[in-house]
N, C-alpha and C. Protein backbone atom coordinates (compact mmCIF):
# COMPACT_ATOMS: atom_id res chain seq x y z
N UNK A 1 -68.88 -83.09 136.44
CA UNK A 1 -68.60 -81.86 135.76
C UNK A 1 -69.61 -81.60 134.68
N UNK A 2 -70.00 -80.38 134.59
CA UNK A 2 -70.94 -80.01 133.54
C UNK A 2 -70.21 -79.25 132.45
N UNK A 3 -70.74 -79.34 131.27
CA UNK A 3 -70.13 -78.61 130.15
C UNK A 3 -70.83 -77.27 130.01
N UNK A 4 -70.07 -76.27 129.72
CA UNK A 4 -70.62 -74.93 129.56
C UNK A 4 -71.18 -74.77 128.15
N UNK A 5 -72.34 -74.18 128.08
CA UNK A 5 -72.97 -73.95 126.78
C UNK A 5 -72.38 -72.71 126.14
N UNK A 6 -72.15 -72.77 124.80
CA UNK A 6 -71.61 -71.61 124.08
C UNK A 6 -72.70 -70.81 123.41
N UNK A 7 -73.94 -71.26 123.51
CA UNK A 7 -75.06 -70.53 122.91
C UNK A 7 -75.47 -69.38 123.81
N UNK A 8 -75.95 -68.31 123.16
CA UNK A 8 -76.47 -67.17 123.92
C UNK A 8 -77.88 -67.49 124.40
N UNK A 9 -78.28 -66.93 125.49
CA UNK A 9 -79.64 -67.15 125.97
C UNK A 9 -80.66 -66.62 124.95
N UNK A 10 -81.75 -67.37 124.75
CA UNK A 10 -82.79 -66.99 123.78
C UNK A 10 -83.42 -65.65 124.15
N UNK A 11 -83.56 -64.75 123.19
CA UNK A 11 -84.27 -63.50 123.37
C UNK A 11 -83.54 -62.46 124.19
N UNK A 12 -82.37 -62.73 124.65
CA UNK A 12 -81.70 -61.79 125.53
C UNK A 12 -81.01 -60.66 124.77
N UNK A 13 -80.50 -60.96 123.59
CA UNK A 13 -79.72 -59.96 122.86
C UNK A 13 -80.42 -59.50 121.57
N UNK A 14 -81.72 -59.56 121.48
CA UNK A 14 -82.46 -59.10 120.30
C UNK A 14 -82.50 -60.16 119.22
N UNK A 15 -82.85 -59.75 118.02
CA UNK A 15 -82.96 -60.67 116.89
C UNK A 15 -81.60 -61.09 116.39
N UNK A 16 -81.54 -62.29 115.89
CA UNK A 16 -80.28 -62.75 115.30
C UNK A 16 -80.18 -62.19 113.88
N UNK A 17 -79.03 -62.30 113.28
CA UNK A 17 -78.80 -61.80 111.93
C UNK A 17 -79.67 -62.54 110.92
N UNK A 18 -79.91 -63.82 111.13
CA UNK A 18 -80.76 -64.60 110.22
C UNK A 18 -82.20 -64.10 110.24
N UNK A 19 -82.71 -63.77 111.40
CA UNK A 19 -84.09 -63.28 111.49
C UNK A 19 -84.23 -61.93 110.80
N UNK A 20 -83.23 -61.06 110.94
CA UNK A 20 -83.27 -59.76 110.26
C UNK A 20 -83.20 -59.93 108.75
N UNK A 21 -82.37 -60.85 108.28
CA UNK A 21 -82.25 -61.11 106.85
C UNK A 21 -83.55 -61.68 106.30
N UNK A 22 -84.19 -62.57 107.05
CA UNK A 22 -85.47 -63.14 106.63
C UNK A 22 -86.54 -62.05 106.50
N UNK A 23 -86.58 -61.16 107.45
CA UNK A 23 -87.57 -60.07 107.41
C UNK A 23 -87.31 -59.16 106.22
N UNK A 24 -86.06 -58.83 105.95
CA UNK A 24 -85.71 -57.99 104.80
C UNK A 24 -86.10 -58.68 103.49
N UNK A 25 -85.83 -59.97 103.38
CA UNK A 25 -86.19 -60.70 102.17
C UNK A 25 -87.70 -60.75 101.98
N UNK A 26 -88.46 -60.88 103.06
CA UNK A 26 -89.92 -60.90 102.96
C UNK A 26 -90.43 -59.56 102.46
N UNK A 27 -89.88 -58.47 102.96
CA UNK A 27 -90.30 -57.13 102.53
C UNK A 27 -89.96 -56.91 101.07
N UNK A 28 -88.74 -57.22 100.67
CA UNK A 28 -88.31 -57.05 99.28
C UNK A 28 -89.16 -57.93 98.36
N UNK A 29 -89.41 -59.16 98.74
CA UNK A 29 -90.24 -60.06 97.93
C UNK A 29 -91.67 -59.54 97.78
N UNK A 30 -92.23 -58.99 98.86
CA UNK A 30 -93.59 -58.44 98.79
C UNK A 30 -93.66 -57.24 97.86
N UNK A 31 -92.67 -56.36 97.94
CA UNK A 31 -92.65 -55.18 97.08
C UNK A 31 -92.49 -55.59 95.62
N UNK A 32 -91.59 -56.51 95.32
CA UNK A 32 -91.41 -56.96 93.94
C UNK A 32 -92.64 -57.70 93.42
N UNK A 33 -93.29 -58.48 94.26
CA UNK A 33 -94.52 -59.16 93.86
C UNK A 33 -95.63 -58.17 93.54
N UNK A 34 -95.78 -57.14 94.36
CA UNK A 34 -96.80 -56.12 94.11
C UNK A 34 -96.50 -55.35 92.82
N UNK A 35 -95.23 -55.07 92.58
CA UNK A 35 -94.82 -54.37 91.35
C UNK A 35 -95.12 -55.23 90.12
N UNK A 36 -94.81 -56.51 90.18
CA UNK A 36 -95.09 -57.41 89.07
C UNK A 36 -96.59 -57.50 88.80
N UNK A 37 -97.38 -57.58 89.85
CA UNK A 37 -98.83 -57.64 89.71
C UNK A 37 -99.37 -56.35 89.07
N UNK A 38 -98.83 -55.20 89.44
CA UNK A 38 -99.25 -53.93 88.86
C UNK A 38 -98.90 -53.87 87.37
N UNK A 39 -97.73 -54.35 86.99
CA UNK A 39 -97.32 -54.34 85.58
C UNK A 39 -98.21 -55.25 84.75
N UNK A 40 -98.49 -56.45 85.23
CA UNK A 40 -99.36 -57.38 84.52
C UNK A 40 -100.76 -56.78 84.38
N UNK A 41 -101.27 -56.16 85.41
CA UNK A 41 -102.58 -55.51 85.36
C UNK A 41 -102.62 -54.38 84.34
N UNK A 42 -101.55 -53.60 84.28
CA UNK A 42 -101.49 -52.49 83.33
C UNK A 42 -101.51 -53.01 81.89
N UNK A 43 -100.71 -54.05 81.59
CA UNK A 43 -100.70 -54.62 80.24
C UNK A 43 -102.06 -55.24 79.91
N UNK A 44 -102.68 -55.91 80.86
CA UNK A 44 -104.00 -56.53 80.61
C UNK A 44 -105.04 -55.46 80.32
N UNK A 45 -105.02 -54.38 81.06
CA UNK A 45 -105.98 -53.29 80.82
C UNK A 45 -105.81 -52.72 79.42
N UNK A 46 -104.59 -52.44 79.03
CA UNK A 46 -104.37 -51.85 77.71
C UNK A 46 -104.68 -52.82 76.60
N UNK A 47 -104.50 -54.10 76.82
CA UNK A 47 -104.83 -55.08 75.80
C UNK A 47 -106.34 -55.20 75.62
N UNK A 48 -107.09 -55.21 76.71
CA UNK A 48 -108.53 -55.39 76.63
C UNK A 48 -109.25 -54.08 76.34
N UNK A 49 -108.94 -53.03 77.08
CA UNK A 49 -109.69 -51.78 76.97
C UNK A 49 -109.30 -50.95 75.76
N UNK A 50 -108.07 -51.01 75.34
CA UNK A 50 -107.61 -50.17 74.25
C UNK A 50 -107.73 -50.84 72.89
N UNK A 51 -108.12 -52.11 72.83
CA UNK A 51 -108.27 -52.80 71.57
C UNK A 51 -109.64 -52.42 71.00
N UNK A 52 -109.64 -51.49 70.04
CA UNK A 52 -110.88 -50.94 69.51
C UNK A 52 -111.40 -51.71 68.31
N UNK A 53 -110.63 -52.67 67.80
CA UNK A 53 -111.01 -53.37 66.58
C UNK A 53 -110.92 -54.88 66.80
N UNK A 54 -111.95 -55.57 66.39
CA UNK A 54 -111.95 -57.02 66.40
C UNK A 54 -112.45 -57.50 65.04
N UNK A 55 -111.92 -58.60 64.55
CA UNK A 55 -112.33 -59.09 63.23
C UNK A 55 -112.19 -60.59 63.18
N UNK A 56 -112.86 -61.19 62.19
CA UNK A 56 -112.71 -62.62 61.96
C UNK A 56 -113.03 -62.94 60.50
N UNK A 57 -112.40 -63.99 60.01
CA UNK A 57 -112.68 -64.50 58.67
C UNK A 57 -113.87 -65.44 58.80
N UNK A 58 -114.95 -65.14 58.08
CA UNK A 58 -116.14 -65.98 58.12
C UNK A 58 -115.97 -67.17 57.18
N UNK A 59 -115.71 -66.89 55.93
CA UNK A 59 -115.44 -67.94 54.93
C UNK A 59 -114.43 -67.43 53.94
N UNK A 60 -113.88 -68.34 53.15
CA UNK A 60 -113.02 -67.94 52.04
C UNK A 60 -113.18 -68.93 50.90
N UNK A 61 -112.87 -68.44 49.71
CA UNK A 61 -112.98 -69.26 48.51
C UNK A 61 -111.72 -69.03 47.67
N UNK A 62 -110.95 -70.08 47.47
CA UNK A 62 -109.69 -69.97 46.75
C UNK A 62 -109.91 -70.18 45.26
N UNK A 63 -109.29 -69.33 44.45
CA UNK A 63 -109.26 -69.48 42.99
C UNK A 63 -107.80 -69.67 42.58
N UNK A 64 -107.54 -69.71 41.27
CA UNK A 64 -106.19 -69.96 40.80
C UNK A 64 -105.20 -68.84 41.19
N UNK A 65 -105.65 -67.58 41.06
CA UNK A 65 -104.73 -66.46 41.32
C UNK A 65 -105.27 -65.48 42.37
N UNK A 66 -106.27 -65.90 43.14
CA UNK A 66 -106.82 -65.01 44.17
C UNK A 66 -107.58 -65.83 45.20
N UNK A 67 -107.88 -65.17 46.30
CA UNK A 67 -108.72 -65.76 47.35
C UNK A 67 -109.75 -64.72 47.74
N UNK A 68 -111.03 -65.10 47.66
CA UNK A 68 -112.11 -64.21 48.10
C UNK A 68 -112.38 -64.51 49.57
N UNK A 69 -112.33 -63.46 50.39
CA UNK A 69 -112.44 -63.63 51.83
C UNK A 69 -113.63 -62.82 52.35
N UNK A 70 -114.51 -63.49 53.09
CA UNK A 70 -115.62 -62.81 53.75
C UNK A 70 -115.11 -62.41 55.14
N UNK A 71 -114.94 -61.10 55.34
CA UNK A 71 -114.35 -60.56 56.55
C UNK A 71 -115.41 -59.79 57.33
N UNK A 72 -115.48 -60.05 58.64
CA UNK A 72 -116.37 -59.29 59.51
C UNK A 72 -115.53 -58.52 60.51
N UNK A 73 -115.73 -57.19 60.54
CA UNK A 73 -114.95 -56.30 61.42
C UNK A 73 -115.91 -55.65 62.40
N UNK A 74 -115.56 -55.68 63.70
CA UNK A 74 -116.30 -54.98 64.75
C UNK A 74 -115.39 -53.91 65.33
N UNK A 75 -115.91 -52.69 65.40
CA UNK A 75 -115.06 -51.58 65.85
C UNK A 75 -115.90 -50.52 66.55
N UNK A 76 -115.24 -49.59 67.20
CA UNK A 76 -115.93 -48.44 67.76
C UNK A 76 -116.36 -47.52 66.63
N UNK A 77 -117.43 -46.74 66.85
CA UNK A 77 -117.89 -45.79 65.85
C UNK A 77 -116.78 -44.78 65.56
N UNK A 78 -116.66 -44.40 64.32
CA UNK A 78 -115.68 -43.42 63.83
C UNK A 78 -114.23 -43.88 63.97
N UNK A 79 -113.99 -45.16 64.18
CA UNK A 79 -112.62 -45.68 64.21
C UNK A 79 -112.25 -46.14 62.82
N UNK A 80 -111.11 -45.69 62.35
CA UNK A 80 -110.59 -46.12 61.05
C UNK A 80 -109.37 -46.99 61.30
N UNK A 81 -109.10 -47.89 60.38
CA UNK A 81 -107.94 -48.75 60.55
C UNK A 81 -107.78 -49.69 59.38
N UNK A 82 -107.07 -50.78 59.62
CA UNK A 82 -106.83 -51.76 58.56
C UNK A 82 -106.64 -53.14 59.18
N UNK A 83 -106.95 -54.15 58.37
CA UNK A 83 -106.73 -55.55 58.75
C UNK A 83 -105.77 -56.17 57.74
N UNK A 84 -104.85 -56.97 58.23
CA UNK A 84 -103.89 -57.64 57.38
C UNK A 84 -104.31 -59.10 57.20
N UNK A 85 -104.43 -59.51 55.94
CA UNK A 85 -104.82 -60.87 55.59
C UNK A 85 -103.70 -61.52 54.78
N UNK A 86 -103.58 -62.84 54.88
CA UNK A 86 -102.61 -63.55 54.06
C UNK A 86 -103.17 -64.90 53.65
N UNK A 87 -102.58 -65.43 52.59
CA UNK A 87 -102.94 -66.74 52.10
C UNK A 87 -101.67 -67.55 51.92
N UNK A 88 -101.78 -68.85 52.16
CA UNK A 88 -100.66 -69.76 51.99
C UNK A 88 -101.06 -70.88 51.04
N UNK A 89 -100.06 -71.44 50.35
CA UNK A 89 -100.32 -72.59 49.49
C UNK A 89 -100.38 -73.85 50.34
N UNK A 90 -100.63 -74.97 49.71
CA UNK A 90 -100.75 -76.24 50.43
C UNK A 90 -99.45 -76.63 51.13
N UNK A 91 -98.30 -76.20 50.61
CA UNK A 91 -97.03 -76.56 51.25
C UNK A 91 -96.58 -75.55 52.31
N UNK A 92 -97.42 -74.54 52.58
CA UNK A 92 -97.11 -73.57 53.64
C UNK A 92 -96.44 -72.30 53.18
N UNK A 93 -96.15 -72.18 51.90
CA UNK A 93 -95.51 -70.98 51.36
C UNK A 93 -96.54 -69.85 51.28
N UNK A 94 -96.15 -68.67 51.71
CA UNK A 94 -97.04 -67.52 51.62
C UNK A 94 -97.16 -67.09 50.16
N UNK A 95 -98.40 -67.03 49.67
CA UNK A 95 -98.62 -66.67 48.26
C UNK A 95 -99.33 -65.33 48.12
N UNK A 96 -99.79 -64.73 49.21
CA UNK A 96 -100.43 -63.43 49.14
C UNK A 96 -100.59 -62.81 50.51
N UNK A 97 -100.44 -61.49 50.54
CA UNK A 97 -100.63 -60.73 51.78
C UNK A 97 -101.06 -59.33 51.38
N UNK A 98 -102.05 -58.78 52.10
CA UNK A 98 -102.52 -57.43 51.80
C UNK A 98 -103.20 -56.84 53.03
N UNK A 99 -103.20 -55.51 53.08
CA UNK A 99 -103.92 -54.76 54.11
C UNK A 99 -105.20 -54.24 53.49
N UNK A 100 -106.31 -54.38 54.20
CA UNK A 100 -107.59 -53.87 53.75
C UNK A 100 -108.05 -52.81 54.74
N UNK A 101 -108.29 -51.60 54.22
CA UNK A 101 -108.63 -50.45 55.04
C UNK A 101 -110.14 -50.35 55.23
N UNK A 102 -110.55 -49.73 56.33
CA UNK A 102 -111.96 -49.49 56.60
C UNK A 102 -112.08 -48.26 57.46
N UNK A 103 -113.25 -47.69 57.47
CA UNK A 103 -113.53 -46.50 58.27
C UNK A 103 -115.03 -46.28 58.32
N UNK A 104 -115.44 -45.09 58.68
CA UNK A 104 -116.86 -44.76 58.70
C UNK A 104 -117.46 -44.85 60.08
N UNK A 105 -118.79 -44.65 60.11
CA UNK A 105 -119.51 -44.60 61.38
C UNK A 105 -120.01 -45.96 61.84
N UNK A 106 -120.06 -46.92 60.95
CA UNK A 106 -120.61 -48.24 61.30
C UNK A 106 -119.73 -48.93 62.34
N UNK A 107 -120.37 -49.67 63.24
CA UNK A 107 -119.62 -50.42 64.25
C UNK A 107 -119.38 -51.86 63.82
N UNK A 108 -120.08 -52.30 62.77
CA UNK A 108 -119.89 -53.65 62.24
C UNK A 108 -119.81 -53.56 60.72
N UNK A 109 -118.74 -54.09 60.16
CA UNK A 109 -118.54 -54.08 58.71
C UNK A 109 -118.46 -55.52 58.25
N UNK A 110 -119.30 -55.88 57.30
CA UNK A 110 -119.32 -57.20 56.69
C UNK A 110 -118.92 -57.02 55.24
N UNK A 111 -117.74 -57.52 54.85
CA UNK A 111 -117.22 -57.21 53.53
C UNK A 111 -116.55 -58.43 52.93
N UNK A 112 -116.70 -58.59 51.63
CA UNK A 112 -115.99 -59.63 50.90
C UNK A 112 -114.86 -58.94 50.16
N UNK A 113 -113.62 -59.34 50.45
CA UNK A 113 -112.44 -58.74 49.83
C UNK A 113 -111.73 -59.80 49.00
N UNK A 114 -111.01 -59.34 47.98
CA UNK A 114 -110.26 -60.25 47.11
C UNK A 114 -108.78 -60.05 47.35
N UNK A 115 -108.11 -61.12 47.71
CA UNK A 115 -106.67 -61.10 47.95
C UNK A 115 -105.99 -61.76 46.74
N UNK A 116 -105.20 -61.00 46.00
CA UNK A 116 -104.49 -61.55 44.85
C UNK A 116 -103.33 -62.41 45.34
N UNK A 117 -103.11 -63.53 44.68
CA UNK A 117 -102.06 -64.46 45.08
C UNK A 117 -101.14 -64.76 43.91
N UNK A 118 -99.92 -65.20 44.22
CA UNK A 118 -98.95 -65.55 43.18
C UNK A 118 -99.11 -67.00 42.73
N UNK A 119 -99.83 -67.81 43.49
CA UNK A 119 -100.11 -69.21 43.15
C UNK A 119 -101.43 -69.58 43.81
N UNK A 120 -101.86 -70.81 43.62
CA UNK A 120 -103.11 -71.29 44.22
C UNK A 120 -103.00 -71.22 45.74
N UNK A 121 -103.86 -70.46 46.39
CA UNK A 121 -103.89 -70.36 47.84
C UNK A 121 -104.82 -71.41 48.43
N UNK A 122 -104.45 -71.94 49.58
CA UNK A 122 -105.32 -72.93 50.21
C UNK A 122 -105.83 -72.46 51.57
N UNK A 123 -105.39 -71.30 52.03
CA UNK A 123 -105.85 -70.76 53.30
C UNK A 123 -106.14 -69.27 53.19
N UNK A 124 -106.87 -68.76 54.13
CA UNK A 124 -107.07 -67.32 54.31
C UNK A 124 -106.94 -67.06 55.80
N UNK A 125 -105.97 -66.26 56.16
CA UNK A 125 -105.67 -66.06 57.58
C UNK A 125 -105.67 -64.57 57.91
N UNK A 126 -106.35 -64.23 59.00
CA UNK A 126 -106.34 -62.87 59.51
C UNK A 126 -105.15 -62.72 60.44
N UNK A 127 -104.19 -61.86 60.08
CA UNK A 127 -103.00 -61.67 60.91
C UNK A 127 -103.23 -60.67 62.02
N UNK A 128 -104.15 -59.73 61.81
CA UNK A 128 -104.44 -58.76 62.85
C UNK A 128 -105.06 -57.49 62.29
N UNK A 129 -105.65 -56.70 63.17
CA UNK A 129 -106.25 -55.44 62.79
C UNK A 129 -105.69 -54.35 63.69
N UNK A 130 -105.56 -53.16 63.14
CA UNK A 130 -104.95 -52.04 63.87
C UNK A 130 -105.72 -50.76 63.57
N UNK A 131 -105.89 -49.93 64.57
CA UNK A 131 -106.53 -48.64 64.40
C UNK A 131 -105.48 -47.62 63.94
N UNK A 132 -105.96 -46.65 63.15
CA UNK A 132 -105.05 -45.58 62.69
C UNK A 132 -104.77 -44.60 63.79
């Protein structure tokens, strides 16, 4: 005696439910992956292309109640904006913070600014620059 098989013949009745679900998941995953890639690309473009101001602290000199900071700013011509600087004491407490404005036609500004502090500062940190 032979036993009867309960399986359907392969390929006779079309795709199984699992194969259809797999295909749907692949399509949905591809669409979501493409959407994520587009969003990351959009943010990267705006971060790189729209950032019109770059700056760095060259040197600084701390005094008892101030910090002199040599700041170099690179920007597009006719862009005005400001850079935020801060100083911290040796224990990490913030002792001074100020915004320094700039403008004009120059694309490179080399300036020494004085940041007033409430105590002896041991650092000079550029927090960021922003266009107006």
